[in-house]
Amino acid sequence: MNSLKCKKLLILAGADVHVKVVMTAKELGVYTIVTDNLALGDSPAKQVADEYWNYSITAVSEVVERCREDKVDGVLNLCIDPAQIPYQQICEKLGLPCYGTKEQFELLTDKRLFKDYCMSCGVGTIPEYSENDIETRNIKYPILVKPTISRGSRGQTICFNKEQVYPAIEIAHNESKNGGVLIERFMQDLQDMALAYMVVGGEPYLLKIGDRYLGKREDNLDRQQMAAVLPSKHTKEYLAKCDPHVKTMIKNMGITFGAVFFQGFYEEGHVFMYDPGLRFPGSDFDVVQKQATGFDSVKAFVRYAMTGDVHSCYGDIKTAYNYAGGHCLIFAISAREGKIATIKGVNEVAKHPYVYSVHMRRKVGDFIENRGDVTQRVVEFCAYIPKDGSIEDFVDDVYHTIQIQDEKGKDMIISKVRIKNSDYQF
């Protein structure tokens, strides 16, 4: 492989999930630059990079001009939603490797386009309604109204009657980047799943398949992930019945290198896709994957950004999704509305032998609003549960250790999840 020593890589956004990108690039001898419009103290990846800029990730012209001045050799967006399209535009203007074309990014960021594409490829999607169906009452409640282009489940509303629908449409319209709105069956009681494929040399490989555990409806968090267990308890059935169709769909997109992620609902061997992205999935599942299986996906992304090499792969990608027989647990603690006065126990949980990474999302003094989205997450853990371990016991230990209280000393933790070991063959 060609040496990357002293070549310059620009990383779009300094979120804590990009710290691993900076460290991986440095390991390969790359000079790292991080840009966003946040203060240094609010941008963890800036703090460890060789250099940082203060351009917004959407300031395409300014970023391109600075890249030319500083002779940047590669640009990378790993897993930040708002950076997907700016990343493509920056790379195109600079003539640098980009893991997607304009058309591919549009397809995998616009839920309307994606849904139509899935149907054309024979991949299931959520049943949909029109405004005319609402007027003619040709509809079965509850339904979910959501923007066609947004992030973090923003602008989504569950409606139980006609009177709730039109205010929900207005909310979704205002949150949608292109003003588009989808009205769909609310897939309550079905297993919510997270899926990701990594494309190497034009061939898609299953990288991530996990069961998502959502919050409670009474907490307004029933669209938010509280935990995810990888691999899914439905993995064997998914591989037999769904994986071939999804791989064909990805191949038809013409992607030669990159990561495609989906969220979907699973029911009796059928998957109903609903949320796509042409980017690496968030969270640190890959950190656990690297330690458990030896497969290093981030290293491949860095090399691609610097060289355009679509074939390099670090480790065995074919079986990386199974975590060598153990399980990866992505686990978030969310809080009800109120001002955070104390957060205790995070350092203790971080020392647990199962825990690989900890990300603080909120801090003491922050006011939590009841928005029903990711802004209510306070802390996230990523852990590896070995074959002889217990997901149940670990989750219970975390809940007993973490304390988040308001100014009156009342508990703020909500939507606690229960995960059965028996579901995952312990």
Protein backbone atom coordinates (compact mmCIF):
# COMPACT_ATOMS: atom_id res chain seq x y z
CA MET A 1 0.00 0.00 0.00
CA ASN A 2 1.15 3.53 -0.76
CA SER A 3 2.43 5.54 2.18
CA LEU A 4 0.07 8.17 3.55
CA LYS A 5 2.72 9.83 5.67
CA CYS A 6 2.34 13.62 5.90
CA LYS A 7 -0.65 13.74 3.56
CA LYS A 8 -3.43 16.06 4.72
CA LEU A 9 -6.95 14.86 5.56
CA LEU A 10 -9.84 17.23 6.28
CA ILE A 11 -12.51 15.70 8.54
CA LEU A 12 -15.93 17.36 8.41
CA ALA A 13 -17.32 17.99 11.92
CA GLY A 14 -15.62 17.60 15.27
CA ALA A 15 -18.20 15.47 17.09
CA ASP A 16 -16.78 12.97 19.56
CA VAL A 17 -17.51 10.09 17.18
CA HIS A 18 -14.84 11.59 14.90
CA VAL A 19 -12.09 11.36 17.50
CA LYS A 20 -11.49 7.78 16.34
CA VAL A 21 -11.12 9.05 12.76
CA VAL A 22 -8.42 11.51 13.83
CA MET A 23 -6.57 8.87 15.84
CA THR A 24 -6.81 6.28 13.03
CA ALA A 25 -5.52 8.78 10.47
CA LYS A 26 -2.60 9.67 12.72
CA GLU A 27 -1.82 5.98 13.09
CA LEU A 28 -1.47 5.88 9.30
CA GLY A 29 0.84 8.90 9.36
CA VAL A 30 -1.77 11.34 8.02
CA TYR A 31 -1.82 15.02 9.04
CA THR A 32 -5.33 15.69 10.38
CA ILE A 33 -7.50 18.80 10.10
CA VAL A 34 -11.01 19.11 11.57
CA THR A 35 -13.50 21.82 10.68
CA ASP A 36 -16.84 22.95 12.08
CA ASN A 37 -18.23 26.21 13.46
CA LEU A 38 -18.20 25.13 17.10
CA ALA A 39 -15.95 26.42 19.83
CA LEU A 40 -12.92 24.27 20.57
CA GLY A 41 -14.37 23.11 23.89
CA ASP A 42 -17.51 21.83 22.15
CA SER A 43 -15.69 19.98 19.38
CA PRO A 44 -13.81 16.93 20.74
CA ALA A 45 -12.18 15.93 17.45
CA LYS A 46 -10.73 19.42 17.03
CA GLN A 47 -8.99 18.98 20.36
CA VAL A 48 -6.97 15.96 19.20
CA ALA A 49 -6.40 16.95 15.54
CA ASP A 50 -3.11 18.36 14.26
CA GLU A 51 -4.96 21.46 13.07
CA TYR A 52 -8.51 22.80 13.12
CA TRP A 53 -10.56 25.31 11.15
CA ASN A 54 -13.70 27.18 12.13
CA TYR A 55 -15.67 26.83 8.91
CA SER A 56 -19.16 25.34 9.08
CA ILE A 57 -19.44 21.94 7.42
CA THR A 58 -22.02 23.48 5.07
CA ALA A 59 -19.76 26.41 4.02
CA VAL A 60 -18.75 24.62 0.84
CA SER A 61 -17.08 27.52 -1.01
CA GLU A 62 -14.99 28.61 1.97
CA VAL A 63 -13.89 25.05 2.74
CA VAL A 64 -12.96 24.39 -0.89
CA GLU A 65 -10.90 27.59 -1.10
CA ARG A 66 -9.02 26.77 2.11
CA CYS A 67 -8.39 23.19 0.95
CA ARG A 68 -6.82 24.51 -2.23
CA GLU A 69 -4.68 27.00 -0.34
CA ASP A 70 -3.45 24.36 2.12
CA LYS A 71 -3.14 21.57 -0.47
CA VAL A 72 -5.43 19.13 1.29
CA ASP A 73 -5.14 15.58 -0.10
CA GLY A 74 -8.45 14.12 1.06
CA VAL A 75 -11.79 14.98 2.66
CA LEU A 76 -13.98 12.68 4.77
CA ASN A 77 -17.42 12.73 6.33
CA LEU A 78 -17.74 9.56 8.34
CA CYS A 79 -21.16 9.63 9.98
CA ILE A 80 -22.66 13.11 10.28
CA ASP A 81 -26.05 13.53 8.58
CA PRO A 82 -25.87 17.25 7.67
CA ALA A 83 -22.40 16.79 6.15
CA GLN A 84 -23.43 14.15 3.60
CA ILE A 85 -24.29 16.43 0.68
CA PRO A 86 -21.70 19.17 1.49
CA TYR A 87 -19.07 16.40 1.58
CA GLN A 88 -19.99 15.34 -1.95
CA GLN A 89 -19.98 18.94 -3.19
CA ILE A 90 -16.58 19.69 -1.64
CA CYS A 91 -14.98 16.56 -3.07
CA GLU A 92 -16.45 17.20 -6.51
CA LYS A 93 -15.12 20.76 -6.64
CA LEU A 94 -11.67 19.60 -5.49
CA GLY A 95 -11.56 16.48 -7.66
CA LEU A 96 -10.97 14.28 -4.60
CA PRO A 97 -12.27 10.75 -3.88
CA CYS A 98 -15.87 10.71 -2.64
CA TYR A 99 -17.77 7.56 -1.76
CA GLY A 100 -20.94 8.75 -3.48
CA THR A 101 -22.21 10.74 -6.44
CA LYS A 102 -24.71 13.60 -6.29
CA GLU A 103 -27.47 11.22 -7.40
CA GLN A 104 -26.53 8.53 -4.87
CA PHE A 105 -26.54 11.01 -1.99
CA GLU A 106 -29.89 12.40 -3.06
CA LEU A 107 -31.35 8.89 -3.22
CA LEU A 108 -30.09 8.00 0.25
CA THR A 109 -31.00 11.24 2.03
CA ASP A 110 -34.47 11.84 0.59
CA LYS A 111 -36.96 9.40 2.14
CA ARG A 112 -39.39 9.86 -0.74
CA LEU A 113 -36.82 8.97 -3.41
CA PHE A 114 -35.50 6.10 -1.30
CA LYS A 115 -38.94 4.66 -0.73
CA ASP A 116 -39.74 4.68 -4.43
CA TYR A 117 -36.37 3.07 -5.19
CA CYS A 118 -36.92 0.29 -2.64
CA MET A 119 -40.28 -0.55 -4.19
CA SER A 120 -38.72 -0.69 -7.66
CA CYS A 121 -36.14 -3.20 -6.31
CA GLY A 122 -38.63 -5.40 -4.49
CA VAL A 123 -37.45 -4.32 -1.03
CA GLY A 124 -40.24 -3.70 1.46
CA THR A 125 -41.19 -0.25 2.75
CA ILE A 126 -43.76 1.04 5.22
CA PRO A 127 -47.35 1.26 3.88
CA GLU A 128 -48.19 4.87 3.02
CA TYR A 129 -51.25 7.13 3.02
CA SER A 130 -52.15 10.33 1.17
CA GLU A 131 -53.96 13.43 2.42
CA ASN A 132 -56.93 12.26 0.35
CA ASP A 133 -56.96 9.03 2.38
CA ILE A 134 -57.25 11.13 5.52
CA GLU A 135 -60.19 13.07 4.14
CA THR A 136 -62.00 9.95 2.95
CA ARG A 137 -61.16 8.16 6.19
CA ASN A 138 -59.46 5.42 4.18
CA ILE A 139 -56.89 5.09 6.90
CA LYS A 140 -56.17 3.02 9.99
CA TYR A 141 -54.76 4.83 13.02
CA PRO A 142 -52.27 5.32 14.53
CA ILE A 143 -50.13 6.80 11.76
CA LEU A 144 -46.71 8.47 11.69
CA VAL A 145 -46.23 11.84 9.99
CA LYS A 146 -42.62 12.76 9.24
CA PRO A 147 -40.38 14.95 7.04
CA THR A 148 -38.85 13.47 3.90
CA ILE A 149 -35.43 14.96 4.74
CA SER A 150 -34.45 15.58 8.38
CA ARG A 151 -32.25 14.07 11.08
CA GLY A 152 -32.47 12.63 14.58
CA SER A 153 -36.21 11.83 14.25
CA ARG A 154 -36.98 15.54 14.28
CA GLY A 155 -40.40 16.63 13.09
CA GLN A 156 -42.08 13.23 13.56
CA THR A 157 -45.53 12.90 15.14
CA ILE A 158 -47.69 9.91 15.96
CA CYS A 159 -51.35 10.66 15.23
CA PHE A 160 -54.34 8.76 16.62
CA ASN A 161 -57.13 10.67 14.87
CA LYS A 162 -57.80 13.04 11.97
CA GLU A 163 -57.65 16.16 14.15
CA GLN A 164 -54.01 15.48 14.98
CA VAL A 165 -52.86 14.94 11.40
CA TYR A 166 -52.84 18.43 9.90
CA PRO A 167 -50.87 20.06 12.77
CA ALA A 168 -48.43 17.13 12.42
CA ILE A 169 -48.11 17.76 8.69
CA GLU A 170 -47.23 21.40 9.40
CA ILE A 171 -44.57 20.35 11.93
CA ALA A 172 -43.06 17.86 9.47
CA HIS A 173 -43.19 20.40 6.62
CA ASN A 174 -41.29 22.99 8.69
CA GLU A 175 -38.65 20.45 9.74
CA SER A 176 -38.17 18.95 6.28
CA LYS A 177 -35.22 20.28 4.33
CA ASN A 178 -37.18 20.11 1.08
CA GLY A 179 -40.63 20.67 2.59
CA GLY A 180 -41.75 17.12 1.80
CA VAL A 181 -43.88 15.04 4.16
CA LEU A 182 -44.63 11.31 4.47
CA ILE A 183 -47.75 9.84 6.09
CA GLU A 184 -47.24 6.18 7.00
CA ARG A 185 -48.60 3.31 9.02
CA PHE A 186 -47.22 3.49 12.56
CA MET A 187 -45.34 0.22 12.89
CA GLN A 188 -45.95 -0.27 16.58
CA ASP A 189 -45.09 -3.61 18.15
CA LEU A 190 -42.74 -4.60 15.30
CA GLN A 191 -39.02 -5.08 15.87
CA ASP A 192 -37.13 -1.92 14.92
CA MET A 193 -33.78 -2.77 13.33
CA ALA A 194 -30.55 -0.99 12.42
CA LEU A 195 -28.72 -2.26 9.36
CA ALA A 196 -25.53 -1.22 7.59
CA TYR A 197 -23.55 -2.53 4.65
CA MET A 198 -19.99 -1.66 3.71
CA VAL A 199 -19.22 -1.69 0.01
CA VAL A 200 -15.69 -2.74 -0.95
CA GLY A 201 -14.74 -3.04 -4.60
CA GLY A 202 -18.41 -2.76 -5.58
CA GLU A 203 -19.45 -5.68 -3.36
CA PRO A 204 -21.74 -4.95 -0.37
CA TYR A 205 -21.09 -6.82 2.89
CA LEU A 206 -23.37 -6.84 5.91
CA LEU A 207 -21.54 -4.82 8.55
CA LYS A 208 -24.19 -4.17 11.17
CA ILE A 209 -27.51 -5.79 12.06
CA GLY A 210 -29.04 -4.90 15.38
CA ASP A 211 -32.31 -4.82 17.32
CA ARG A 212 -33.29 -1.33 18.44
CA TYR A 213 -35.07 -0.90 21.78
CA LEU A 214 -37.11 2.29 21.77
CA GLY A 215 -38.35 4.51 24.58
CA LYS A 216 -41.85 4.58 26.05
CA ARG A 217 -44.79 6.37 24.49
CA GLU A 218 -45.73 7.99 27.79
CA ASP A 219 -42.27 9.59 27.85
CA ASN A 220 -42.65 10.83 24.24
CA LEU A 221 -39.57 8.75 23.37
CA ASP A 222 -41.16 5.89 21.44
CA ARG A 223 -39.30 6.94 18.29
CA GLN A 224 -35.92 7.16 20.02
CA GLN A 225 -33.37 4.40 20.53
CA MET A 226 -32.58 3.61 24.15
CA ALA A 227 -30.47 0.58 23.32
CA ALA A 228 -29.42 -1.64 20.44
CA VAL A 229 -28.09 -5.20 20.52
CA LEU A 230 -25.86 -6.45 17.69
CA PRO A 231 -26.14 -8.92 16.04
CA SER A 232 -29.94 -9.12 15.96
CA LYS A 233 -31.86 -12.11 17.23
CA HIS A 234 -33.32 -12.25 13.68
CA THR A 235 -29.94 -12.39 11.92
CA LYS A 236 -30.20 -15.95 10.59
CA GLU A 237 -33.64 -15.38 9.12
CA TYR A 238 -32.66 -11.98 7.71
CA LEU A 239 -29.62 -13.43 5.96
CA ALA A 240 -31.74 -16.14 4.36
CA LYS A 241 -34.76 -14.10 3.29
CA CYS A 242 -33.79 -10.40 3.01
CA ASP A 243 -30.04 -9.98 2.62
CA PRO A 244 -29.84 -11.08 -1.06
CA HIS A 245 -32.49 -8.54 -2.12
CA VAL A 246 -30.90 -5.69 -0.17
CA LYS A 247 -27.45 -6.48 -1.58
CA THR A 248 -28.85 -6.44 -5.11
CA MET A 249 -30.50 -3.08 -4.42
CA ILE A 250 -27.19 -1.63 -3.21
CA LYS A 251 -25.29 -3.03 -6.17
CA ASN A 252 -27.79 -1.41 -8.51
CA MET A 253 -26.90 1.97 -7.01
CA GLY A 254 -23.41 1.67 -8.50
CA ILE A 255 -21.48 2.39 -5.29
CA THR A 256 -17.89 1.09 -5.44
CA PHE A 257 -16.82 1.95 -1.88
CA GLY A 258 -18.61 3.32 1.16
CA ALA A 259 -21.22 2.54 3.78
CA VAL A 260 -24.98 2.42 3.35
CA PHE A 261 -27.15 2.30 6.43
CA PHE A 262 -30.86 1.67 6.88
CA GLN A 263 -33.40 1.49 9.62
CA GLY A 264 -36.31 -0.82 9.17
CA PHE A 265 -39.02 -2.84 10.85
CA TYR A 266 -38.88 -6.62 10.83
CA GLU A 267 -41.86 -8.95 10.72
CA GLU A 268 -41.83 -12.68 9.98
CA GLY A 269 -38.99 -12.65 7.49
CA HIS A 270 -39.92 -9.32 5.90
CA VAL A 271 -38.12 -6.02 6.34
CA PHE A 272 -39.82 -2.63 5.90
CA MET A 273 -37.11 -0.03 5.24
CA TYR A 274 -37.74 3.54 6.34
CA ASP A 275 -34.57 5.55 6.96
CA PRO A 276 -31.45 5.48 4.73
CA GLY A 277 -28.08 7.19 4.62
CA LEU A 278 -24.95 7.14 2.49
CA ARG A 279 -22.57 7.34 5.40
CA PHE A 280 -21.10 5.24 8.18
CA PRO A 281 -23.52 4.53 11.06
CA GLY A 282 -23.08 6.56 14.22
CA SER A 283 -22.10 5.16 17.64
CA ASP A 284 -18.95 3.19 18.36
CA PHE A 285 -20.17 -0.26 17.31
CA ASP A 286 -17.15 -0.40 15.00
CA VAL A 287 -14.77 0.11 17.93
CA VAL A 288 -16.22 -2.99 19.58
CA GLN A 289 -16.19 -4.78 16.23
CA LYS A 290 -12.51 -4.05 15.76
CA GLN A 291 -11.61 -5.39 19.19
CA ALA A 292 -13.83 -8.48 18.86
CA THR A 293 -13.05 -9.46 15.26
CA GLY A 294 -10.01 -7.48 14.10
CA PHE A 295 -11.92 -5.76 11.30
CA ASP A 296 -11.02 -2.03 11.08
CA SER A 297 -13.57 -0.17 8.96
CA VAL A 298 -12.42 3.36 9.84
CA LYS A 299 -8.90 2.64 8.58
CA ALA A 300 -10.34 1.64 5.20
CA PHE A 301 -12.34 4.88 5.03
CA VAL A 302 -9.28 7.00 5.77
CA ARG A 303 -7.24 5.23 3.10
CA TYR A 304 -10.04 5.63 0.57
CA ALA A 305 -10.28 9.37 1.27
CA MET A 306 -6.57 9.79 0.67
CA THR A 307 -6.10 7.49 -2.33
CA GLY A 308 -9.44 6.49 -3.85
CA ASP A 309 -8.56 2.83 -3.22
CA VAL A 310 -11.89 0.96 -3.32
CA HIS A 311 -10.41 -2.48 -2.57
CA SER A 312 -8.40 -2.03 0.64
CA CYS A 313 -9.88 -3.86 3.61
CA TYR A 314 -8.33 -4.28 7.05
CA GLY A 315 -9.44 -7.62 8.45
CA ASP A 316 -12.16 -10.10 7.51
CA ILE A 317 -15.30 -8.19 6.57
CA LYS A 318 -17.35 -11.29 5.75
CA THR A 319 -18.05 -12.28 9.36
CA ALA A 320 -17.43 -9.00 11.22
CA TYR A 321 -21.18 -8.54 11.85
CA ASN A 322 -21.32 -11.52 14.25
CA TYR A 323 -18.87 -10.16 16.88
CA ALA A 324 -17.12 -13.51 17.27
CA GLY A 325 -20.16 -14.96 19.03
CA GLY A 326 -20.58 -12.14 21.55
CA HIS A 327 -22.81 -9.07 21.36
CA CYS A 328 -22.29 -5.34 21.04
CA LEU A 329 -24.59 -3.26 23.22
CA ILE A 330 -25.21 0.40 22.42
CA PHE A 331 -26.93 1.88 25.45
CA ALA A 332 -28.24 5.42 26.03
CA ILE A 333 -29.56 7.08 29.18
CA SER A 334 -32.25 9.68 28.50
CA ALA A 335 -33.82 12.23 30.82
CA ARG A 336 -37.22 13.82 31.31
CA GLU A 337 -37.77 17.55 31.03
CA GLY A 338 -36.00 19.64 33.65
CA LYS A 339 -32.67 21.15 34.60
CA ILE A 340 -29.86 18.71 35.34
CA ALA A 341 -28.38 19.36 38.78
CA THR A 342 -26.27 16.22 39.24
CA ILE A 343 -24.86 13.43 37.09
CA LYS A 344 -23.19 10.62 39.02
CA GLY A 345 -21.81 7.17 38.27
CA VAL A 346 -20.58 7.68 34.71
CA ASN A 347 -16.92 7.16 35.63
CA GLU A 348 -17.77 3.98 37.51
CA VAL A 349 -19.61 2.52 34.50
CA ALA A 350 -16.76 3.58 32.21
CA LYS A 351 -14.42 1.33 34.23
CA HIS A 352 -16.57 -1.76 33.70
CA PRO A 353 -14.61 -4.37 31.69
CA TYR A 354 -17.42 -4.62 29.12
CA VAL A 355 -17.39 -0.89 28.29
CA TYR A 356 -15.39 0.31 25.28
CA SER A 357 -16.56 3.92 24.93
CA VAL A 358 -18.56 6.60 26.72
CA HIS A 359 -20.03 9.73 25.17
CA MET A 360 -21.52 12.51 27.26
CA ARG A 361 -24.30 14.30 25.37
CA ARG A 362 -25.47 16.69 28.12
CA LYS A 363 -23.91 18.21 31.23
CA VAL A 364 -24.85 19.58 34.63
CA GLY A 365 -26.75 22.83 34.19
CA ASP A 366 -28.36 21.84 30.88
CA PHE A 367 -32.12 22.14 30.60
CA ILE A 368 -33.76 19.14 28.97
CA GLU A 369 -36.83 19.89 26.89
CA ASN A 370 -39.54 17.32 26.22
CA ARG A 371 -38.85 17.20 22.49
CA GLY A 372 -39.00 13.46 22.01
CA ASP A 373 -35.71 13.38 20.11
CA VAL A 374 -31.98 12.78 20.59
CA THR A 375 -31.55 16.00 22.57
CA GLN A 376 -32.90 14.14 25.62
CA ARG A 377 -29.95 11.73 25.65
CA VAL A 378 -27.53 12.44 28.47
CA VAL A 379 -24.90 9.71 28.11
CA GLU A 380 -24.22 6.79 25.77
CA PHE A 381 -22.18 3.64 26.37
CA CYS A 382 -20.88 1.10 23.87
CA ALA A 383 -20.05 -2.30 25.37
CA TYR A 384 -19.07 -5.81 24.37
CA ILE A 385 -20.92 -8.63 26.10
CA PRO A 386 -18.91 -11.87 25.71
CA LYS A 387 -20.46 -15.29 25.15
CA ASP A 388 -20.47 -16.04 28.87
CA GLY A 389 -21.70 -12.57 29.86
CA SER A 390 -25.15 -11.20 30.69
CA ILE A 391 -26.83 -8.30 28.94
CA GLU A 392 -29.54 -8.25 31.60
CA ASP A 393 -27.08 -7.94 34.49
CA PHE A 394 -25.01 -5.27 32.74
CA VAL A 395 -28.05 -3.10 31.97
CA ASP A 396 -29.29 -3.46 35.54
CA ASP A 397 -25.85 -2.50 36.88
CA VAL A 398 -25.79 0.65 34.75
CA TYR A 399 -29.24 1.76 35.90
CA HIS A 400 -28.28 1.17 39.53
CA THR A 401 -25.03 3.13 39.12
CA ILE A 402 -26.04 6.15 37.04
CA GLN A 403 -27.85 8.98 38.83
CA ILE A 404 -29.29 12.01 37.05
CA GLN A 405 -31.24 14.37 39.27
CA ASP A 406 -32.94 17.74 38.94
CA GLU A 407 -32.62 20.71 41.29
CA LYS A 408 -35.11 19.14 43.70
CA GLY A 409 -33.17 15.91 43.87
CA LYS A 410 -35.73 13.99 41.80
CA ASP A 411 -34.70 11.22 39.42
CA MET A 412 -34.68 12.34 35.76
CA ILE A 413 -33.93 9.00 34.06
CA ILE A 414 -36.82 7.76 31.91
CA SER A 415 -37.69 4.99 29.43
CA LYS A 416 -35.56 2.29 31.00
CA VAL A 417 -35.27 -0.80 28.80
CA ARG A 418 -35.36 -4.46 29.63
CA ILE A 419 -33.35 -6.87 27.44
CA LYS A 420 -33.71 -10.61 27.93
CA ASN A 421 -30.63 -12.82 27.71
CA SER A 422 -32.85 -15.60 26.39
CA ASP A 423 -33.53 -13.57 23.23
CA TYR A 424 -29.82 -13.66 22.43
CA GLN A 425 -29.07 -17.31 23.23
CA PHE A 426 -27.00 -16.80 26.37
